[in-house]
Amino acid sequence: MSAIFLYEDGQGEIYDQSGNDAMDLELEEDVNSFHLETLINVRRYCESQGQEEESLMKDLVTRMENEKRLKEDKDWNILEKQTNKVNRKTSQLQEEHKVHLISFYDEHPQSR
């Protein structure tokens, strides 16, 4: 069995070393077309890894910024939600509701 080398022309077409279209090749019976599909899938996987690297880099930069801020301001809470606290809706529960709920749970701890 001889080896067949396939090349991509950069436009999504696959050719052999003679310039013939890879889909026109008459393969021997023992050669499975599964191998060509596997090569294409491996290439797509390798290309997608570049996008994952960018995502990991953004995560790393965010972590470094958080670490720097934590070193500068010891009281900064990293778990505090960073939201727009100026333009948000006011709480629907007033203080009397909160007091009632706290006293209720204090009197009936099994209701938690």
C-alpha atoms as a PDB file:
ATOM      1  CA  MET A   1       0.000   0.000   0.000  1.00  0.00           C
ATOM      2  CA  SER A   2       1.382   3.402  -0.915  1.00  0.00           C
ATOM      3  CA  ALA A   3       0.928   6.530   1.156  1.00  0.00           C
ATOM      4  CA  ILE A   4      -1.306   9.282  -0.153  1.00  0.00           C
ATOM      5  CA  PHE A   5      -0.596  12.800   1.061  1.00  0.00           C
ATOM      6  CA  LEU A   6      -3.490  15.222   1.021  1.00  0.00           C
ATOM      7  CA  TYR A   7      -3.197  18.998   1.082  1.00  0.00           C
ATOM      8  CA  GLU A   8      -5.690  21.795   1.642  1.00  0.00           C
ATOM      9  CA  ASP A   9      -5.553  24.797  -0.680  1.00  0.00           C
ATOM     10  CA  GLY A  10      -6.746  27.311   1.932  1.00  0.00           C
ATOM     11  CA  GLN A  11     -10.210  27.501   0.363  1.00  0.00           C
ATOM     12  CA  GLY A  12     -11.527  24.328   1.990  1.00  0.00           C
ATOM     13  CA  GLU A  13     -10.677  22.064  -0.963  1.00  0.00           C
ATOM     14  CA  ILE A  14      -8.489  19.005  -0.424  1.00  0.00           C
ATOM     15  CA  TYR A  15      -6.093  17.728  -3.107  1.00  0.00           C
ATOM     16  CA  ASP A  16      -3.472  15.024  -3.420  1.00  0.00           C
ATOM     17  CA  GLN A  17       0.163  15.690  -4.348  1.00  0.00           C
ATOM     18  CA  SER A  18      -0.684  15.502  -8.078  1.00  0.00           C
ATOM     19  CA  GLY A  19      -3.349  18.205  -7.826  1.00  0.00           C
ATOM     20  CA  ASN A  20      -6.303  15.846  -8.162  1.00  0.00           C
ATOM     21  CA  ASP A  21      -9.391  16.382  -6.016  1.00  0.00           C
ATOM     22  CA  ALA A  22      -9.278  14.122  -2.956  1.00  0.00           C
ATOM     23  CA  MET A  23     -12.927  13.151  -3.383  1.00  0.00           C
ATOM     24  CA  ASP A  24     -12.185  11.789  -6.870  1.00  0.00           C
ATOM     25  CA  LEU A  25      -9.533   9.380  -5.596  1.00  0.00           C
ATOM     26  CA  GLU A  26     -10.280   5.709  -6.103  1.00  0.00           C
ATOM     27  CA  LEU A  27      -9.214   4.235  -2.831  1.00  0.00           C
ATOM     28  CA  GLU A  28      -8.411   0.616  -2.232  1.00  0.00           C
ATOM     29  CA  GLU A  29     -11.142  -1.393  -0.587  1.00  0.00           C
ATOM     30  CA  ASP A  30      -9.271  -1.722   2.701  1.00  0.00           C
ATOM     31  CA  VAL A  31      -8.944   2.073   3.058  1.00  0.00           C
ATOM     32  CA  ASN A  32     -11.785   3.653   5.003  1.00  0.00           C
ATOM     33  CA  SER A  33     -13.077   7.156   4.223  1.00  0.00           C
ATOM     34  CA  PHE A  34     -13.403   7.555   7.997  1.00  0.00           C
ATOM     35  CA  HIS A  35      -9.720   8.592   8.111  1.00  0.00           C
ATOM     36  CA  LEU A  36     -10.320  11.675   5.971  1.00  0.00           C
ATOM     37  CA  GLU A  37     -13.210  12.759   8.199  1.00  0.00           C
ATOM     38  CA  THR A  38     -11.058  12.169  11.281  1.00  0.00           C
ATOM     39  CA  LEU A  39      -8.305  14.394   9.892  1.00  0.00           C
ATOM     40  CA  ILE A  40     -10.816  17.167   9.225  1.00  0.00           C
ATOM     41  CA  ASN A  41     -12.239  16.852  12.742  1.00  0.00           C
ATOM     42  CA  VAL A  42      -8.753  16.957  14.286  1.00  0.00           C
ATOM     43  CA  ARG A  43      -7.978  20.136  12.341  1.00  0.00           C
ATOM     44  CA  ARG A  44     -11.202  21.805  13.490  1.00  0.00           C
ATOM     45  CA  TYR A  45     -10.378  20.821  17.059  1.00  0.00           C
ATOM     46  CA  CYS A  46      -6.900  22.344  16.794  1.00  0.00           C
ATOM     47  CA  GLU A  47      -8.328  25.575  15.367  1.00  0.00           C
ATOM     48  CA  SER A  48     -10.843  25.840  18.196  1.00  0.00           C
ATOM     49  CA  GLN A  49      -8.064  25.594  20.772  1.00  0.00           C
ATOM     50  CA  GLY A  50      -6.878  29.090  19.823  1.00  0.00           C
ATOM     51  CA  GLN A  51     -10.231  30.544  20.866  1.00  0.00           C
ATOM     52  CA  GLU A  52     -10.037  28.706  24.174  1.00  0.00           C
ATOM     53  CA  GLU A  53      -6.583  30.176  24.787  1.00  0.00           C
ATOM     54  CA  GLU A  54      -7.963  33.709  24.388  1.00  0.00           C
ATOM     55  CA  SER A  55     -10.695  32.932  26.894  1.00  0.00           C
ATOM     56  CA  LEU A  56      -8.163  31.564  29.386  1.00  0.00           C
ATOM     57  CA  MET A  57      -5.999  34.657  28.910  1.00  0.00           C
ATOM     58  CA  LYS A  58      -8.957  36.941  29.722  1.00  0.00           C
ATOM     59  CA  ASP A  59      -9.616  34.916  32.892  1.00  0.00           C
ATOM     60  CA  LEU A  60      -5.958  35.217  33.875  1.00  0.00           C
ATOM     61  CA  VAL A  61      -5.957  38.995  33.342  1.00  0.00           C
ATOM     62  CA  THR A  62      -9.129  39.343  35.441  1.00  0.00           C
ATOM     63  CA  ARG A  63      -7.597  37.299  38.244  1.00  0.00           C
ATOM     64  CA  MET A  64      -4.434  39.378  38.169  1.00  0.00           C
ATOM     65  CA  GLU A  65      -6.470  42.608  38.338  1.00  0.00           C
ATOM     66  CA  ASN A  66      -8.461  41.260  41.294  1.00  0.00           C
ATOM     67  CA  GLU A  67      -5.268  40.202  43.076  1.00  0.00           C
ATOM     68  CA  LYS A  68      -3.705  43.633  42.550  1.00  0.00           C
ATOM     69  CA  ARG A  69      -6.828  45.373  43.848  1.00  0.00           C
ATOM     70  CA  LEU A  70      -6.931  43.069  46.887  1.00  0.00           C
ATOM     71  CA  LYS A  71      -3.289  43.896  47.698  1.00  0.00           C
ATOM     72  CA  GLU A  72      -3.954  47.632  47.438  1.00  0.00           C
ATOM     73  CA  ASP A  73      -7.241  47.616  49.368  1.00  0.00           C
ATOM     74  CA  LYS A  74      -7.335  44.995  52.120  1.00  0.00           C
ATOM     75  CA  ASP A  75     -11.025  45.712  52.880  1.00  0.00           C
ATOM     76  CA  TRP A  76     -12.177  45.066  49.312  1.00  0.00           C
ATOM     77  CA  ASN A  77     -14.539  42.104  49.144  1.00  0.00           C
ATOM     78  CA  ILE A  78     -13.807  40.040  46.048  1.00  0.00           C
ATOM     79  CA  LEU A  79     -17.090  38.150  46.416  1.00  0.00           C
ATOM     80  CA  GLU A  80     -19.178  41.323  46.441  1.00  0.00           C
ATOM     81  CA  LYS A  81     -21.262  41.618  43.341  1.00  0.00           C
ATOM     82  CA  GLN A  82     -19.969  44.420  41.127  1.00  0.00           C
ATOM     83  CA  THR A  83     -23.276  45.930  39.980  1.00  0.00           C
ATOM     84  CA  ASN A  84     -24.607  49.370  39.331  1.00  0.00           C
ATOM     85  CA  LYS A  85     -25.873  50.246  42.792  1.00  0.00           C
ATOM     86  CA  VAL A  86     -27.079  53.721  41.806  1.00  0.00           C
ATOM     87  CA  ASN A  87     -29.691  52.829  39.193  1.00  0.00           C
ATOM     88  CA  ARG A  88     -31.341  49.799  40.730  1.00  0.00           C
ATOM     89  CA  LYS A  89     -34.834  49.293  42.057  1.00  0.00           C
ATOM     90  CA  THR A  90     -35.520  50.018  45.698  1.00  0.00           C
ATOM     91  CA  SER A  91     -36.233  47.127  48.009  1.00  0.00           C
ATOM     92  CA  GLN A  92     -39.862  46.049  48.196  1.00  0.00           C
ATOM     93  CA  LEU A  93     -39.525  45.028  51.851  1.00  0.00           C
ATOM     94  CA  GLN A  94     -39.510  47.821  54.377  1.00  0.00           C
ATOM     95  CA  GLU A  95     -37.838  47.590  57.754  1.00  0.00           C
ATOM     96  CA  GLU A  96     -41.016  46.366  59.480  1.00  0.00           C
ATOM     97  CA  HIS A  97     -41.229  43.399  57.098  1.00  0.00           C
ATOM     98  CA  LYS A  98     -37.634  42.472  57.813  1.00  0.00           C
ATOM     99  CA  VAL A  99     -38.192  42.669  61.580  1.00  0.00           C
ATOM    100  CA  HIS A 100     -41.287  40.483  61.279  1.00  0.00           C
ATOM    101  CA  LEU A 101     -39.438  37.801  59.278  1.00  0.00           C
ATOM    102  CA  ILE A 102     -36.484  37.763  61.663  1.00  0.00           C
ATOM    103  CA  SER A 103     -38.743  37.399  64.695  1.00  0.00           C
ATOM    104  CA  PHE A 104     -40.769  34.691  62.939  1.00  0.00           C
ATOM    105  CA  TYR A 105     -37.672  32.585  62.230  1.00  0.00           C
ATOM    106  CA  ASP A 106     -36.391  33.178  65.754  1.00  0.00           C
ATOM    107  CA  GLU A 107     -39.674  31.897  67.223  1.00  0.00           C
ATOM    108  CA  HIS A 108     -40.053  28.980  64.787  1.00  0.00           C
ATOM    109  CA  PRO A 109     -36.579  27.679  63.865  1.00  0.00           C
ATOM    110  CA  GLN A 110     -38.047  24.492  62.349  1.00  0.00           C
ATOM    111  CA  SER A 111     -39.622  26.555  59.540  1.00  0.00           C
ATOM    112  CA  ARG A 112     -36.260  27.202  57.875  1.00  0.00           C
END
